[in-house]
Every structure is written in structure tokens, then in C-alpha cells.
Amino acid sequence: MHYQALYRKYRPQRFDEVIGQDHVTETLAREVVEDKVAHAYLFTGPRGTGKTTSARLLAKSLNCPNRAADGEPCNECSSCEGITTGSSIDVIELDAASHNKVEDIREIRVNVSTVAAADGARRVYILDEAHMLSRAASN
């Protein structure tokens, strides 16, 4: 059995499981239900406040074909399972702390324009630790 970090093992899988961020999770769920999702979101705050978790939940809810009426993902379909395990081709998470060069950002830009999302899905890019990008990569 392989080791899994605690924050990944116990990461919330539904909006209502996120503690202390009700204003964020309620807003995101409402936007999904009303289909008024912005093209980009910027999650900021100190370490451990749920920035990446909120981004992953938003991506999961957007791509779930069986989501509940309140915007919660079902966590049972292949899309939800793929996003949870990190194997979904529609949700790409890039760790900018280790991929902070211009070439890495160029690769993302090429993928955005050439690879289509799966049927009925939305392509979501999560740029984690964006403050670690080099100046050239940020530009």
C-alpha cells in the first residue's frame, strides 16, 4: 500500500464538507446551479484554508453529469472519480512551484487550443502556487 498525505486522504469531496468557508462554497455552488460560472477564479489566503480543494470541487461540480439540484457533485460517476484520483483529462492541475518556466506555460497554452474536452465536460486548469511562476512565465 502506498503512502497518501493526510490532506489528500481527508480532502473534502463535497461543498458542504468544507469547514469555515461557507461563503465561498455557497457562492460557487450557486454559480454552478445558475450556470453563471466565470472564466477564471483567483483563490487566495493562508496555507490550509481550502484554496485548491475549492478549485477541485468547482471543477468536479462543473463536470459531473449527475450533480444534485444544489450543485453538489455525485462522487459516483466516472468524471467525479477521475477528478478525485487526479486521472481526469478534463481537469489539469499544474504545480507552479515546480513548473514555473515559460516552456511549461507555453505547453498549457498549446493544450488549451488543441485538446478538446470530453463529451459534455468543461476543461478546467488549476494553477496551484501561481505566485511561484517566474516573471516571464507570468507574462
N, C-alpha and C. Protein backbone atom coordinates (compact mmCIF):
# COMPACT_ATOMS: atom_id res chain seq x y z
N MET A 1 0.84 -1.18 0.00
CA MET A 1 0.00 0.00 0.00
C MET A 1 0.88 1.24 0.00
N HIS A 2 0.59 2.20 -0.86
CA HIS A 2 1.41 3.40 -0.97
C HIS A 2 0.94 4.47 0.03
N TYR A 3 1.85 5.36 0.34
CA TYR A 3 1.57 6.43 1.29
C TYR A 3 0.75 7.53 0.61
N GLN A 4 -0.22 8.04 1.33
CA GLN A 4 -1.02 9.15 0.84
C GLN A 4 -1.05 10.21 1.94
N ALA A 5 -0.72 11.43 1.58
CA ALA A 5 -0.69 12.52 2.55
C ALA A 5 -2.08 12.70 3.18
N LEU A 6 -2.10 13.09 4.44
CA LEU A 6 -3.36 13.25 5.16
C LEU A 6 -4.29 14.26 4.49
N TYR A 7 -3.73 15.36 3.98
CA TYR A 7 -4.59 16.37 3.37
C TYR A 7 -5.24 15.84 2.11
N ARG A 8 -4.64 14.87 1.47
CA ARG A 8 -5.28 14.27 0.29
C ARG A 8 -6.26 13.18 0.68
N LYS A 9 -5.92 12.43 1.71
CA LYS A 9 -6.79 11.34 2.16
C LYS A 9 -8.11 11.88 2.70
N TYR A 10 -8.04 12.98 3.42
CA TYR A 10 -9.23 13.53 4.05
C TYR A 10 -9.73 14.82 3.39
N ARG A 11 -9.36 15.05 2.15
CA ARG A 11 -9.80 16.24 1.42
C ARG A 11 -11.31 16.16 1.21
N PRO A 12 -12.03 17.24 1.51
CA PRO A 12 -13.49 17.24 1.30
C PRO A 12 -13.84 16.92 -0.15
N GLN A 13 -14.92 16.15 -0.32
CA GLN A 13 -15.36 15.75 -1.65
C GLN A 13 -16.68 16.39 -2.05
N ARG A 14 -17.22 17.22 -1.15
CA ARG A 14 -18.46 17.94 -1.41
C ARG A 14 -18.31 19.34 -0.85
N PHE A 15 -19.08 20.29 -1.39
CA PHE A 15 -19.02 21.66 -0.89
C PHE A 15 -19.38 21.74 0.59
N ASP A 16 -20.39 20.96 1.00
CA ASP A 16 -20.83 21.05 2.39
C ASP A 16 -19.85 20.42 3.39
N GLU A 17 -18.81 19.76 2.92
CA GLU A 17 -17.79 19.19 3.80
C GLU A 17 -16.65 20.17 4.09
N VAL A 18 -16.59 21.27 3.36
CA VAL A 18 -15.54 22.27 3.56
C VAL A 18 -15.89 23.07 4.81
N ILE A 19 -14.98 23.14 5.75
CA ILE A 19 -15.24 23.79 7.03
C ILE A 19 -14.69 25.21 7.01
N GLY A 20 -15.51 26.15 7.48
CA GLY A 20 -15.06 27.52 7.65
C GLY A 20 -15.05 28.38 6.40
N GLN A 21 -15.56 27.88 5.30
CA GLN A 21 -15.57 28.64 4.05
C GLN A 21 -16.96 28.63 3.43
N ASP A 22 -17.98 28.73 4.27
CA ASP A 22 -19.36 28.66 3.78
C ASP A 22 -19.67 29.73 2.73
N HIS A 23 -19.15 30.92 2.92
CA HIS A 23 -19.41 32.00 1.96
C HIS A 23 -18.84 31.67 0.59
N VAL A 24 -17.73 30.96 0.55
CA VAL A 24 -17.11 30.58 -0.73
C VAL A 24 -17.86 29.42 -1.36
N THR A 25 -18.09 28.36 -0.59
CA THR A 25 -18.71 27.16 -1.15
C THR A 25 -20.15 27.41 -1.57
N GLU A 26 -20.89 28.22 -0.81
CA GLU A 26 -22.27 28.53 -1.20
C GLU A 26 -22.30 29.34 -2.49
N THR A 27 -21.37 30.27 -2.62
CA THR A 27 -21.31 31.08 -3.84
C THR A 27 -20.96 30.22 -5.05
N LEU A 28 -19.96 29.36 -4.91
CA LEU A 28 -19.56 28.51 -6.03
C LEU A 28 -20.68 27.55 -6.43
N ALA A 29 -21.32 26.93 -5.45
CA ALA A 29 -22.42 26.00 -5.75
C ALA A 29 -23.56 26.73 -6.44
N ARG A 30 -23.89 27.93 -5.99
CA ARG A 30 -24.98 28.70 -6.60
C ARG A 30 -24.64 29.07 -8.05
N GLU A 31 -23.38 29.44 -8.29
CA GLU A 31 -22.97 29.78 -9.65
C GLU A 31 -23.07 28.58 -10.58
N VAL A 32 -22.74 27.40 -10.08
CA VAL A 32 -22.85 26.18 -10.89
C VAL A 32 -24.31 25.90 -11.21
N VAL A 33 -25.18 26.00 -10.19
CA VAL A 33 -26.60 25.73 -10.39
C VAL A 33 -27.21 26.70 -11.40
N GLU A 34 -26.86 27.98 -11.27
CA GLU A 34 -27.42 29.00 -12.15
C GLU A 34 -26.68 29.10 -13.49
N ASP A 35 -25.65 28.29 -13.67
CA ASP A 35 -24.83 28.28 -14.88
C ASP A 35 -24.28 29.68 -15.18
N LYS A 36 -23.78 30.33 -14.14
CA LYS A 36 -23.16 31.65 -14.26
C LYS A 36 -21.73 31.58 -13.75
N VAL A 37 -20.96 30.66 -14.30
CA VAL A 37 -19.59 30.43 -13.86
C VAL A 37 -18.66 31.34 -14.66
N ALA A 38 -17.77 32.01 -13.95
CA ALA A 38 -16.80 32.90 -14.60
C ALA A 38 -15.75 32.08 -15.34
N HIS A 39 -14.99 32.72 -16.20
CA HIS A 39 -13.96 32.01 -16.95
C HIS A 39 -12.70 31.79 -16.12
N ALA A 40 -12.54 32.52 -15.02
CA ALA A 40 -11.36 32.35 -14.17
C ALA A 40 -11.70 32.74 -12.74
N TYR A 41 -11.05 32.06 -11.80
CA TYR A 41 -11.21 32.35 -10.38
C TYR A 41 -9.82 32.46 -9.76
N LEU A 42 -9.71 33.34 -8.79
CA LEU A 42 -8.46 33.51 -8.06
C LEU A 42 -8.74 33.24 -6.59
N PHE A 43 -8.23 32.11 -6.09
CA PHE A 43 -8.40 31.75 -4.69
C PHE A 43 -7.15 32.18 -3.94
N THR A 44 -7.32 33.00 -2.92
CA THR A 44 -6.18 33.48 -2.15
C THR A 44 -6.43 33.22 -0.67
N GLY A 45 -5.35 33.20 0.09
CA GLY A 45 -5.45 33.03 1.53
C GLY A 45 -4.27 32.26 2.06
N PRO A 46 -4.20 32.15 3.39
CA PRO A 46 -3.09 31.42 4.00
C PRO A 46 -3.17 29.92 3.73
N ARG A 47 -2.09 29.26 4.04
CA ARG A 47 -2.00 27.82 3.84
C ARG A 47 -3.08 27.09 4.64
N GLY A 48 -3.70 26.10 4.02
CA GLY A 48 -4.67 25.27 4.71
C GLY A 48 -6.08 25.80 4.77
N THR A 49 -6.39 26.81 3.98
CA THR A 49 -7.74 27.37 4.03
C THR A 49 -8.67 26.80 2.97
N GLY A 50 -8.19 25.90 2.12
CA GLY A 50 -9.05 25.22 1.16
C GLY A 50 -9.06 25.80 -0.24
N LYS A 51 -8.01 26.46 -0.63
CA LYS A 51 -7.97 27.07 -1.97
C LYS A 51 -7.99 26.01 -3.06
N THR A 52 -7.07 25.07 -3.00
CA THR A 52 -7.01 24.02 -4.02
C THR A 52 -8.22 23.10 -3.92
N THR A 53 -8.66 22.81 -2.72
CA THR A 53 -9.84 21.97 -2.53
C THR A 53 -11.06 22.62 -3.17
N SER A 54 -11.24 23.91 -2.96
CA SER A 54 -12.38 24.62 -3.55
C SER A 54 -12.30 24.60 -5.07
N ALA A 55 -11.12 24.77 -5.61
CA ALA A 55 -10.95 24.73 -7.06
C ALA A 55 -11.27 23.34 -7.61
N ARG A 56 -10.83 22.30 -6.93
CA ARG A 56 -11.12 20.94 -7.38
C ARG A 56 -12.61 20.62 -7.28
N LEU A 57 -13.25 21.10 -6.20
CA LEU A 57 -14.70 20.88 -6.05
C LEU A 57 -15.49 21.60 -7.14
N LEU A 58 -15.07 22.81 -7.47
CA LEU A 58 -15.72 23.54 -8.55
C LEU A 58 -15.58 22.78 -9.87
N ALA A 59 -14.39 22.29 -10.14
CA ALA A 59 -14.16 21.51 -11.37
C ALA A 59 -15.00 20.24 -11.37
N LYS A 60 -15.07 19.58 -10.23
CA LYS A 60 -15.85 18.34 -10.14
C LYS A 60 -17.33 18.63 -10.36
N SER A 61 -17.84 19.68 -9.74
CA SER A 61 -19.24 20.02 -9.89
C SER A 61 -19.59 20.42 -11.32
N LEU A 62 -18.68 21.15 -11.97
CA LEU A 62 -18.92 21.55 -13.36
C LEU A 62 -18.97 20.36 -14.31
N ASN A 63 -18.17 19.35 -14.04
CA ASN A 63 -18.06 18.21 -14.95
C ASN A 63 -18.95 17.03 -14.59
N CYS A 64 -19.64 17.08 -13.45
CA CYS A 64 -20.47 15.96 -13.02
C CYS A 64 -21.79 15.95 -13.78
N PRO A 65 -22.09 14.88 -14.50
CA PRO A 65 -23.36 14.82 -15.24
C PRO A 65 -24.55 14.54 -14.32
N ASN A 66 -24.30 14.06 -13.11
CA ASN A 66 -25.37 13.68 -12.19
C ASN A 66 -25.40 14.55 -10.94
N ARG A 67 -24.97 15.80 -11.04
CA ARG A 67 -24.90 16.62 -9.83
C ARG A 67 -26.30 16.89 -9.28
N ALA A 68 -26.33 17.11 -7.97
CA ALA A 68 -27.59 17.36 -7.28
C ALA A 68 -28.13 18.74 -7.64
N ALA A 69 -29.37 18.98 -7.25
CA ALA A 69 -30.02 20.26 -7.55
C ALA A 69 -29.34 21.43 -6.85
N ASP A 70 -28.63 21.15 -5.75
CA ASP A 70 -27.93 22.22 -5.03
C ASP A 70 -26.51 22.43 -5.52
N GLY A 71 -26.11 21.74 -6.60
CA GLY A 71 -24.78 21.93 -7.19
C GLY A 71 -23.73 20.97 -6.69
N GLU A 72 -24.07 20.09 -5.74
CA GLU A 72 -23.10 19.13 -5.21
C GLU A 72 -22.82 18.03 -6.22
N PRO A 73 -21.54 17.66 -6.42
CA PRO A 73 -21.23 16.55 -7.32
C PRO A 73 -21.68 15.22 -6.72
N CYS A 74 -21.93 14.23 -7.57
CA CYS A 74 -22.43 12.94 -7.09
C CYS A 74 -21.34 12.07 -6.47
N ASN A 75 -20.08 12.27 -6.89
CA ASN A 75 -18.94 11.48 -6.40
C ASN A 75 -19.02 10.00 -6.76
N GLU A 76 -19.89 9.64 -7.70
CA GLU A 76 -20.03 8.25 -8.10
C GLU A 76 -19.76 8.02 -9.58
N CYS A 77 -19.93 9.04 -10.39
CA CYS A 77 -19.76 8.88 -11.84
C CYS A 77 -18.27 8.81 -12.18
N SER A 78 -17.97 8.44 -13.40
CA SER A 78 -16.58 8.30 -13.83
C SER A 78 -15.85 9.64 -13.82
N SER A 79 -16.57 10.72 -14.12
CA SER A 79 -15.95 12.04 -14.10
C SER A 79 -15.53 12.42 -12.68
N CYS A 80 -16.41 12.24 -11.71
CA CYS A 80 -16.09 12.56 -10.32
C CYS A 80 -14.94 11.70 -9.80
N GLU A 81 -14.97 10.43 -10.10
CA GLU A 81 -13.90 9.54 -9.65
C GLU A 81 -12.57 9.91 -10.28
N GLY A 82 -12.60 10.27 -11.56
CA GLY A 82 -11.37 10.66 -12.25
C GLY A 82 -10.77 11.93 -11.67
N ILE A 83 -11.61 12.90 -11.33
CA ILE A 83 -11.13 14.14 -10.73
C ILE A 83 -10.59 13.88 -9.33
N THR A 84 -11.26 13.02 -8.57
CA THR A 84 -10.80 12.69 -7.21
C THR A 84 -9.43 12.03 -7.24
N THR A 85 -9.22 11.11 -8.17
CA THR A 85 -7.94 10.39 -8.24
C THR A 85 -6.88 11.17 -9.00
N GLY A 86 -7.28 12.22 -9.70
CA GLY A 86 -6.32 13.01 -10.46
C GLY A 86 -6.05 12.47 -11.85
N SER A 87 -6.91 11.58 -12.33
CA SER A 87 -6.69 10.96 -13.64
C SER A 87 -7.60 11.54 -14.73
N SER A 88 -8.37 12.54 -14.41
CA SER A 88 -9.28 13.14 -15.40
C SER A 88 -8.48 13.93 -16.42
N ILE A 89 -8.87 13.80 -17.69
CA ILE A 89 -8.20 14.57 -18.74
C ILE A 89 -8.81 15.95 -18.89
N ASP A 90 -9.94 16.18 -18.21
CA ASP A 90 -10.61 17.48 -18.30
C ASP A 90 -10.20 18.43 -17.19
N VAL A 91 -9.55 17.94 -16.16
CA VAL A 91 -9.08 18.78 -15.06
C VAL A 91 -7.58 18.59 -14.94
N ILE A 92 -6.85 19.63 -15.28
CA ILE A 92 -5.39 19.58 -15.26
C ILE A 92 -4.90 20.48 -14.15
N GLU A 93 -4.18 19.90 -13.21
CA GLU A 93 -3.64 20.67 -12.10
C GLU A 93 -2.14 20.79 -12.29
N LEU A 94 -1.68 22.02 -12.37
CA LEU A 94 -0.26 22.30 -12.58
C LEU A 94 0.30 22.93 -11.33
N ASP A 95 1.34 22.34 -10.79
CA ASP A 95 2.01 22.89 -9.62
C ASP A 95 3.03 23.90 -10.11
N ALA A 96 2.71 25.18 -9.96
CA ALA A 96 3.58 26.24 -10.48
C ALA A 96 4.87 26.36 -9.68
N ALA A 97 4.92 25.76 -8.50
CA ALA A 97 6.15 25.81 -7.71
C ALA A 97 7.25 25.01 -8.40
N SER A 98 6.87 23.92 -9.05
CA SER A 98 7.88 23.09 -9.72
C SER A 98 7.85 23.24 -11.24
N HIS A 99 6.78 23.80 -11.78
CA HIS A 99 6.68 24.03 -13.23
C HIS A 99 6.53 25.53 -13.45
N ASN A 100 7.59 26.26 -13.21
CA ASN A 100 7.48 27.72 -13.24
C ASN A 100 8.19 28.37 -14.41
N LYS A 101 8.54 27.60 -15.42
CA LYS A 101 9.25 28.16 -16.57
C LYS A 101 8.28 28.55 -17.68
N VAL A 102 8.75 29.37 -18.58
CA VAL A 102 7.96 29.81 -19.71
C VAL A 102 7.53 28.62 -20.57
N GLU A 103 8.41 27.64 -20.73
CA GLU A 103 8.08 26.46 -21.55
C GLU A 103 6.88 25.71 -21.00
N ASP A 104 6.77 25.63 -19.65
CA ASP A 104 5.64 24.93 -19.04
C ASP A 104 4.33 25.66 -19.34
N ILE A 105 4.35 26.98 -19.29
CA ILE A 105 3.15 27.76 -19.57
C ILE A 105 2.81 27.68 -21.06
N ARG A 106 3.81 27.67 -21.91
CA ARG A 106 3.55 27.52 -23.36
C ARG A 106 2.89 26.18 -23.65
N GLU A 107 3.30 25.14 -22.95
CA GLU A 107 2.70 23.82 -23.14
C GLU A 107 1.21 23.85 -22.77
N ILE A 108 0.88 24.54 -21.70
CA ILE A 108 -0.53 24.67 -21.31
C ILE A 108 -1.31 25.40 -22.39
N ARG A 109 -0.74 26.49 -22.88
CA ARG A 109 -1.44 27.27 -23.92
C ARG A 109 -1.69 26.45 -25.17
N VAL A 110 -0.74 25.58 -25.53
CA VAL A 110 -0.92 24.72 -26.70
C VAL A 110 -2.03 23.71 -26.43
N ASN A 111 -2.04 23.13 -25.22
CA ASN A 111 -3.07 22.15 -24.87
C ASN A 111 -4.47 22.77 -24.83
N VAL A 112 -4.56 24.00 -24.40
CA VAL A 112 -5.86 24.66 -24.34
C VAL A 112 -6.49 24.76 -25.71
N SER A 113 -5.68 25.06 -26.70
CA SER A 113 -6.23 25.28 -28.03
C SER A 113 -6.33 24.02 -28.89
N THR A 114 -5.65 22.95 -28.51
CA THR A 114 -5.63 21.79 -29.38
C THR A 114 -6.40 20.59 -28.85
N VAL A 115 -6.56 20.46 -27.56
CA VAL A 115 -7.21 19.29 -26.99
C VAL A 115 -8.62 19.65 -26.57
N ALA A 116 -9.60 18.95 -27.13
CA ALA A 116 -10.99 19.23 -26.80
C ALA A 116 -11.37 18.50 -25.51
N ALA A 117 -12.31 19.06 -24.79
CA ALA A 117 -12.82 18.43 -23.58
C ALA A 117 -13.66 17.22 -23.96
N ALA A 118 -13.82 16.30 -23.02
CA ALA A 118 -14.65 15.13 -23.26
C ALA A 118 -16.10 15.57 -23.49
N ASP A 119 -16.91 14.68 -23.97
CA ASP A 119 -18.27 14.98 -24.33
C ASP A 119 -19.05 15.56 -23.14
N GLY A 120 -19.55 16.79 -23.29
CA GLY A 120 -20.34 17.42 -22.26
C GLY A 120 -19.55 17.96 -21.08
N ALA A 121 -18.25 17.88 -21.11
CA ALA A 121 -17.42 18.31 -19.98
C ALA A 121 -16.84 19.70 -20.24
N ARG A 122 -16.29 20.25 -19.20
CA ARG A 122 -15.58 21.53 -19.30
C ARG A 122 -14.14 21.32 -18.93
N ARG A 123 -13.27 21.90 -19.68
CA ARG A 123 -11.84 21.79 -19.43
C ARG A 123 -11.49 22.79 -18.32
N VAL A 124 -10.85 22.32 -17.24
CA VAL A 124 -10.50 23.17 -16.11
C VAL A 124 -9.01 23.04 -15.85
N TYR A 125 -8.34 24.17 -15.75
CA TYR A 125 -6.92 24.20 -15.40
C TYR A 125 -6.79 24.81 -14.01
N ILE A 126 -6.13 24.10 -13.13
CA ILE A 126 -5.88 24.60 -11.78
C ILE A 126 -4.40 24.90 -11.70
N LEU A 127 -4.07 26.16 -11.56
CA LEU A 127 -2.69 26.61 -11.47
C LEU A 127 -2.38 26.84 -9.99
N ASP A 128 -1.84 25.82 -9.35
CA ASP A 128 -1.57 25.86 -7.91
C ASP A 128 -0.24 26.56 -7.65
N GLU A 129 -0.18 27.35 -6.61
CA GLU A 129 1.03 28.09 -6.24
C GLU A 129 1.46 29.04 -7.36
N ALA A 130 0.51 29.77 -7.92
CA ALA A 130 0.78 30.65 -9.06
C ALA A 130 1.81 31.74 -8.74
N HIS A 131 1.93 32.11 -7.48
CA HIS A 131 2.90 33.15 -7.11
C HIS A 131 4.33 32.70 -7.31
N MET A 132 4.55 31.40 -7.53
CA MET A 132 5.90 30.88 -7.73
C MET A 132 6.35 30.92 -9.20
N LEU A 133 5.48 31.36 -10.10
CA LEU A 133 5.87 31.46 -11.51
C LEU A 133 6.96 32.51 -11.68
N SER A 134 7.82 32.27 -12.63
CA SER A 134 8.83 33.28 -12.94
C SER A 134 8.13 34.48 -13.58
N ARG A 135 8.80 35.61 -13.61
CA ARG A 135 8.20 36.81 -14.19
C ARG A 135 7.83 36.59 -15.65
N ALA A 136 8.72 35.95 -16.39
CA ALA A 136 8.46 35.70 -17.81
C ALA A 136 7.26 34.75 -17.99
N ALA A 137 7.16 33.74 -17.14
CA ALA A 137 6.04 32.81 -17.23
C ALA A 137 4.73 33.51 -16.87
N SER A 138 4.75 34.41 -15.91
CA SER A 138 3.55 35.16 -15.54
C SER A 138 3.07 36.02 -16.69
N ASN A 139 4.01 36.63 -17.39
CA ASN A 139 3.64 37.48 -18.52
C ASN A 139 3.02 36.64 -19.64
